[in-house]
Amino acid sequence: MNHHKYRLIIPFVVPGLLMYGTFVLWPYTQALYVALTDWSGMTPTKTFIGFDNFTRLWDDAKFWSALKHNLQLLVLLPLTILPIALLFAALTTQKVGGLRGSGFYRFLFFAPEVMSAVVIGVLWSFVYHPSMGLLNGLLKTVGLDGLARPWLGSPQTVLWAIAGVIIWSGVGFFMILFMAGIQSIPTDFYEAATLDGAGRWRSFRDITFPLLRDQLQVAYVFIGIGALDMFALVQVMAEGGGPSRSADVVARYMYDTAFQQSRFGYATAIGVVLLALTLVLSLVTIRLTSRERVEY
């Protein structure tokens, strides 16, 4: 009987495995090999040099500076995006006493999510413009001229200006994620809490937040992967990594190494390290936030 079962399953599984191996595993294997060569990307020959690229990477100050910026974003983004998204989700979900006109607010908060990173980067580059930008113009209008500055032209502010754009554009996605989680919580829980005299804050603290653990886990992983990337916005808003490379990130440095310096072997080694960091971050996050599944 089992023999016939496998004969039925195999024709459906094998095509998927072949596609996964061809379009996922094989490119990874090629990347690992290229990372062990000195390929310039311009010649058909690749000279095998072993782990020399990774040895050079260990002593590469530009790589470590870019990685430091990624790690700073990795700390900042979850601490800002998740609380804001949770707040907006709670305020726009009727089940937990949301605001009137919540549909409009959902559209407003989610709108940046449908825009491409390039469009967002160009838009905010105009907002941050030192002389014609909306931000400096607004500060001068309200009498805060001393706060006006070249936001993308100063090493002290460029990374945080880009981080502000990331927060603005990313909140909507996680708001929708948390809204879906809230909608899946039985209404009986909130009704029982109301009968016990619990207010909105206590209901959120004791019911909503604990039962959003799975959504928070997914959100942590997504934000972590995003924080280790950030290529598009940095490339558009801070070409060359910003003044003194003060906003450079690993993905942009990898691009610069490959296409500006024609060092594809070394750039691929950077990509392999970035892949390893992403996998480790994802596994650690899932491990630390895992729990027994709550049935309700």
Protein backbone atom coordinates (compact mmCIF):
# COMPACT_ATOMS: atom_id res chain seq x y z
CA MET A 1 0.00 0.00 0.00
CA ASN A 2 2.82 2.42 0.90
CA HIS A 3 4.51 1.61 -2.40
CA HIS A 4 1.48 2.85 -4.33
CA LYS A 5 1.30 5.95 -2.10
CA TYR A 6 4.86 6.95 -3.00
CA ARG A 7 4.21 6.34 -6.68
CA LEU A 8 1.39 8.88 -6.42
CA ILE A 9 3.40 11.47 -4.44
CA ILE A 10 6.69 11.40 -6.38
CA PRO A 11 5.36 12.89 -9.66
CA PHE A 12 4.11 15.93 -7.72
CA VAL A 13 7.22 16.39 -5.54
CA VAL A 14 10.01 15.86 -8.07
CA PRO A 15 9.25 18.88 -10.33
CA GLY A 16 9.25 21.20 -7.30
CA LEU A 17 12.52 19.75 -6.03
CA LEU A 18 14.11 20.12 -9.47
CA MET A 19 13.03 23.76 -9.71
CA TYR A 20 14.26 24.47 -6.18
CA GLY A 21 17.60 22.84 -6.91
CA THR A 22 17.99 24.67 -10.23
CA PHE A 23 16.96 28.17 -9.17
CA VAL A 24 18.00 28.19 -5.48
CA LEU A 25 20.58 25.57 -4.51
CA TRP A 26 22.61 25.67 -7.73
CA PRO A 27 23.08 29.50 -7.68
CA TYR A 28 24.14 29.27 -4.03
CA THR A 29 26.68 26.61 -4.95
CA GLN A 30 28.01 28.76 -7.78
CA ALA A 31 28.26 31.76 -5.43
CA LEU A 32 30.26 29.73 -2.91
CA TYR A 33 32.67 28.70 -5.65
CA VAL A 34 33.05 32.24 -7.04
CA ALA A 35 33.77 33.49 -3.50
CA LEU A 36 36.84 31.21 -3.51
CA THR A 37 38.24 32.78 -6.71
CA ASP A 38 39.72 36.11 -7.81
CA TRP A 39 37.25 36.51 -10.69
CA SER A 40 37.02 40.06 -12.00
CA GLY A 41 33.67 39.49 -13.71
CA MET A 42 35.18 40.52 -17.05
CA THR A 43 37.00 37.34 -18.05
CA PRO A 44 35.91 33.73 -18.55
CA THR A 45 38.69 32.43 -16.29
CA LYS A 46 38.48 32.15 -12.53
CA THR A 47 41.62 31.46 -10.51
CA PHE A 48 40.97 29.47 -7.35
CA ILE A 49 42.50 31.23 -4.33
CA GLY A 50 40.81 29.38 -1.45
CA PHE A 51 39.77 31.46 1.53
CA ASP A 52 41.93 34.50 0.65
CA ASN A 53 38.86 36.68 0.01
CA PHE A 54 37.48 35.90 3.45
CA THR A 55 40.89 36.60 5.02
CA ARG A 56 41.00 40.00 3.33
CA LEU A 57 37.45 40.65 4.43
CA TRP A 58 38.47 40.20 8.06
CA ASP A 59 40.92 43.11 7.69
CA ASP A 60 38.64 45.28 5.51
CA ALA A 61 37.80 48.42 7.50
CA LYS A 62 35.16 49.52 4.94
CA PHE A 63 33.31 46.22 5.35
CA TRP A 64 33.28 46.48 9.13
CA SER A 65 32.12 50.10 8.98
CA ALA A 66 29.25 49.11 6.67
CA LEU A 67 28.34 46.16 8.91
CA LYS A 68 28.29 48.47 11.93
CA HIS A 69 25.65 50.61 10.20
CA ASN A 70 23.57 47.50 9.47
CA LEU A 71 23.79 46.47 13.12
CA GLN A 72 22.75 49.94 14.27
CA LEU A 73 19.66 49.67 12.07
CA LEU A 74 19.09 46.15 13.37
CA VAL A 75 18.76 47.58 16.88
CA LEU A 76 16.86 50.75 15.99
CA LEU A 77 14.22 49.47 13.56
CA PRO A 78 12.52 46.84 15.77
CA LEU A 79 12.45 49.28 18.70
CA THR A 80 10.61 51.87 16.61
CA ILE A 81 8.62 50.07 13.89
CA LEU A 82 7.04 47.38 16.07
CA PRO A 83 5.61 49.64 18.82
CA ILE A 84 4.25 52.09 16.24
CA ALA A 85 2.74 49.29 14.14
CA LEU A 86 1.18 47.71 17.24
CA LEU A 87 -0.31 51.05 18.26
CA PHE A 88 -1.75 51.73 14.81
CA ALA A 89 -3.12 48.18 14.57
CA ALA A 90 -4.87 48.54 17.92
CA LEU A 91 -6.26 51.98 17.01
CA THR A 92 -7.64 50.83 13.65
CA THR A 93 -9.18 47.50 14.71
CA GLN A 94 -12.80 47.73 15.83
CA LYS A 95 -12.56 44.54 17.90
CA VAL A 96 -10.38 46.32 20.45
CA GLY A 97 -12.24 49.62 20.33
CA GLY A 98 -10.62 51.18 17.28
CA LEU A 99 -11.10 54.74 16.10
CA ARG A 100 -13.88 55.88 13.80
CA GLY A 101 -12.87 56.07 10.16
CA SER A 102 -10.30 53.35 10.70
CA GLY A 103 -10.52 52.34 7.02
CA PHE A 104 -9.10 55.71 5.98
CA TYR A 105 -6.25 55.44 8.49
CA ARG A 106 -5.43 51.93 7.28
CA PHE A 107 -5.14 53.24 3.74
CA LEU A 108 -3.05 56.19 4.87
CA PHE A 109 -0.58 54.11 6.89
CA PHE A 110 -0.32 51.33 4.31
CA ALA A 111 0.08 53.61 1.26
CA PRO A 112 3.91 53.76 1.44
CA GLU A 113 4.04 49.97 1.25
CA VAL A 114 2.77 49.95 -2.36
CA MET A 115 5.51 52.36 -3.47
CA SER A 116 8.86 51.08 -4.69
CA ALA A 117 11.98 51.78 -2.64
CA VAL A 118 13.42 53.86 -5.48
CA VAL A 119 10.34 56.13 -5.62
CA ILE A 120 10.40 56.49 -1.84
CA GLY A 121 14.10 57.32 -1.90
CA VAL A 122 13.72 59.98 -4.59
CA LEU A 123 10.67 61.48 -2.84
CA TRP A 124 12.41 61.79 0.51
CA SER A 125 15.60 63.10 -1.09
CA PHE A 126 13.53 66.14 -2.08
CA VAL A 127 12.02 66.34 1.41
CA TYR A 128 15.53 66.39 2.92
CA HIS A 129 16.94 68.86 0.36
CA PRO A 130 18.95 71.49 2.31
CA SER A 131 17.55 74.56 0.53
CA MET A 132 14.29 73.50 -1.19
CA GLY A 133 13.31 70.60 1.06
CA LEU A 134 10.00 70.43 2.87
CA LEU A 135 11.59 69.51 6.22
CA ASN A 136 13.97 72.46 6.46
CA GLY A 137 11.28 74.76 5.09
CA LEU A 138 8.88 73.62 7.81
CA LEU A 139 11.51 74.07 10.53
CA LYS A 140 12.23 77.61 9.35
CA THR A 141 8.53 78.43 9.19
CA VAL A 142 7.99 77.52 12.86
CA GLY A 143 11.11 79.38 13.96
CA LEU A 144 13.42 76.40 14.42
CA ASP A 145 16.06 77.57 11.96
CA GLY A 146 18.82 76.18 14.15
CA LEU A 147 17.62 72.63 13.50
CA ALA A 148 17.73 72.99 9.71
CA ARG A 149 20.70 71.18 8.18
CA PRO A 150 21.80 69.17 5.13
CA TRP A 151 20.25 65.94 6.38
CA LEU A 152 21.75 63.73 3.67
CA GLY A 153 24.98 65.71 3.41
CA SER A 154 26.13 65.44 7.01
CA PRO A 155 27.92 62.35 8.37
CA GLN A 156 26.11 62.85 11.70
CA THR A 157 22.58 62.76 10.28
CA VAL A 158 22.53 60.85 6.98
CA LEU A 159 22.10 57.34 8.43
CA TRP A 160 19.37 58.44 10.85
CA ALA A 161 17.58 60.39 8.11
CA ILE A 162 17.45 57.22 6.02
CA ALA A 163 16.34 55.24 9.08
CA GLY A 164 13.42 57.66 9.46
CA VAL A 165 12.35 56.89 5.90
CA ILE A 166 12.59 53.14 6.59
CA ILE A 167 10.35 53.52 9.64
CA TRP A 168 7.82 55.65 7.71
CA SER A 169 7.62 53.20 4.83
CA GLY A 170 7.70 49.99 6.88
CA VAL A 171 5.09 50.59 9.57
CA GLY A 172 2.12 49.91 7.27
CA PHE A 173 3.08 46.33 6.46
CA PHE A 174 3.51 45.32 10.08
CA MET A 175 0.34 47.17 11.06
CA ILE A 176 -1.61 44.95 8.64
CA LEU A 177 0.21 41.87 10.00
CA PHE A 178 -0.79 42.73 13.57
CA MET A 179 -4.34 43.63 12.53
CA ALA A 180 -4.73 40.16 11.03
CA GLY A 181 -3.49 38.66 14.30
CA ILE A 182 -5.92 40.73 16.36
CA GLN A 183 -8.82 39.74 14.13
CA SER A 184 -8.03 36.07 14.77
CA ILE A 185 -8.39 36.47 18.56
CA PRO A 186 -11.87 35.40 19.73
CA THR A 187 -14.13 38.29 20.71
CA ASP A 188 -15.17 36.31 23.82
CA PHE A 189 -11.77 37.07 25.38
CA TYR A 190 -12.35 40.82 25.21
CA GLU A 191 -15.94 40.52 26.39
CA ALA A 192 -14.85 38.50 29.42
CA ALA A 193 -12.12 41.06 30.17
CA THR A 194 -14.67 43.90 29.95
CA LEU A 195 -16.96 42.10 32.40
CA ASP A 196 -14.02 41.81 34.79
CA GLY A 197 -13.51 45.57 34.59
CA ALA A 198 -10.47 45.60 32.32
CA GLY A 199 -9.90 48.75 30.30
CA ARG A 200 -8.37 49.02 26.85
CA TRP A 201 -4.78 49.10 28.08
CA ARG A 202 -5.19 46.07 30.32
CA SER A 203 -6.96 44.12 27.56
CA PHE A 204 -4.13 44.94 25.20
CA ARG A 205 -1.47 44.00 27.76
CA ASP A 206 -3.06 40.76 28.97
CA ILE A 207 -4.84 39.52 25.83
CA THR A 208 -3.76 41.15 22.58
CA PHE A 209 -0.01 41.36 23.08
CA PRO A 210 0.55 37.80 24.38
CA LEU A 211 -1.58 36.30 21.59
CA LEU A 212 0.36 38.20 18.91
CA ARG A 213 3.53 36.26 19.70
CA ASP A 214 3.57 34.47 16.33
CA GLN A 215 3.10 37.70 14.40
CA LEU A 216 5.84 39.37 16.43
CA GLN A 217 8.18 36.50 15.60
CA VAL A 218 7.54 36.93 11.89
CA ALA A 219 7.95 40.70 12.22
CA TYR A 220 11.32 40.35 13.97
CA VAL A 221 12.62 38.10 11.19
CA PHE A 222 11.35 40.39 8.43
CA ILE A 223 12.80 43.52 10.03
CA GLY A 224 16.10 41.76 10.71
CA ILE A 225 16.45 40.66 7.09
CA GLY A 226 15.54 44.16 5.94
CA ALA A 227 18.06 45.78 8.30
CA LEU A 228 20.83 43.60 6.88
CA ASP A 229 19.94 44.72 3.36
CA MET A 230 18.89 48.38 2.88
CA PHE A 231 20.66 48.56 -0.51
CA ALA A 232 18.00 50.40 -2.50
CA LEU A 233 17.32 53.32 -0.15
CA VAL A 234 20.99 53.89 0.66
CA GLN A 235 21.96 53.74 -3.01
CA VAL A 236 19.28 56.25 -4.00
CA MET A 237 19.50 58.64 -1.05
CA ALA A 238 23.22 58.43 -0.22
CA GLU A 239 25.11 57.57 -3.39
CA GLY A 240 28.52 56.19 -2.56
CA GLY A 241 27.43 55.45 0.98
CA GLY A 242 26.98 59.07 1.96
CA PRO A 243 29.64 61.56 3.12
CA SER A 244 32.67 59.66 4.43
CA ARG A 245 30.66 56.43 3.87
CA SER A 246 28.74 57.30 7.02
CA ALA A 247 25.58 55.56 5.75
CA ASP A 248 27.18 52.71 3.82
CA VAL A 249 25.74 49.23 4.33
CA VAL A 250 27.10 45.82 3.43
CA ALA A 251 24.82 45.26 0.43
CA ARG A 252 25.78 48.60 -1.13
CA TYR A 253 29.47 47.99 -0.46
CA MET A 254 29.14 44.59 -2.13
CA TYR A 255 27.56 46.24 -5.19
CA ASP A 256 30.32 48.86 -5.32
CA THR A 257 33.02 46.17 -5.05
CA ALA A 258 31.52 44.12 -7.88
CA PHE A 259 30.40 46.72 -10.41
CA GLN A 260 32.67 49.68 -9.68
CA GLN A 261 35.88 47.86 -8.80
CA SER A 262 35.30 44.71 -10.92
CA ARG A 263 36.14 42.39 -8.02
CA PHE A 264 33.33 39.88 -8.35
CA GLY A 265 35.10 37.17 -6.37
CA TYR A 266 35.59 39.45 -3.38
CA ALA A 267 32.06 40.86 -3.70
CA THR A 268 30.64 37.33 -3.74
CA ALA A 269 32.55 36.57 -0.54
CA ILE A 270 30.84 39.60 1.01
CA GLY A 271 27.50 38.22 -0.19
CA VAL A 272 28.22 34.80 1.33
CA VAL A 273 29.01 36.40 4.70
CA LEU A 274 25.82 38.49 4.47
CA LEU A 275 23.82 35.34 3.71
CA ALA A 276 25.36 33.56 6.70
CA LEU A 277 24.56 36.51 9.00
CA THR A 278 20.96 36.59 7.75
CA LEU A 279 20.49 32.86 8.35
CA VAL A 280 22.01 33.05 11.83
CA LEU A 281 19.85 36.06 12.72
CA SER A 282 16.69 34.30 11.51
CA LEU A 283 17.47 31.08 13.38
CA VAL A 284 18.36 32.91 16.61
CA THR A 285 15.22 35.07 16.41
CA ILE A 286 12.95 32.07 15.82
CA ARG A 287 14.67 30.15 18.62
CA LEU A 288 14.39 32.98 21.16
CA THR A 289 10.77 33.80 20.33
CA SER A 290 9.44 30.27 19.94
CA ARG A 291 6.87 28.91 22.37
CA GLU A 292 4.24 26.23 22.65
CA ARG A 293 1.37 26.98 20.33
CA VAL A 294 -1.71 28.42 22.05
CA GLU A 295 -4.98 26.94 20.85
CA TYR A 296 -8.17 28.99 21.10
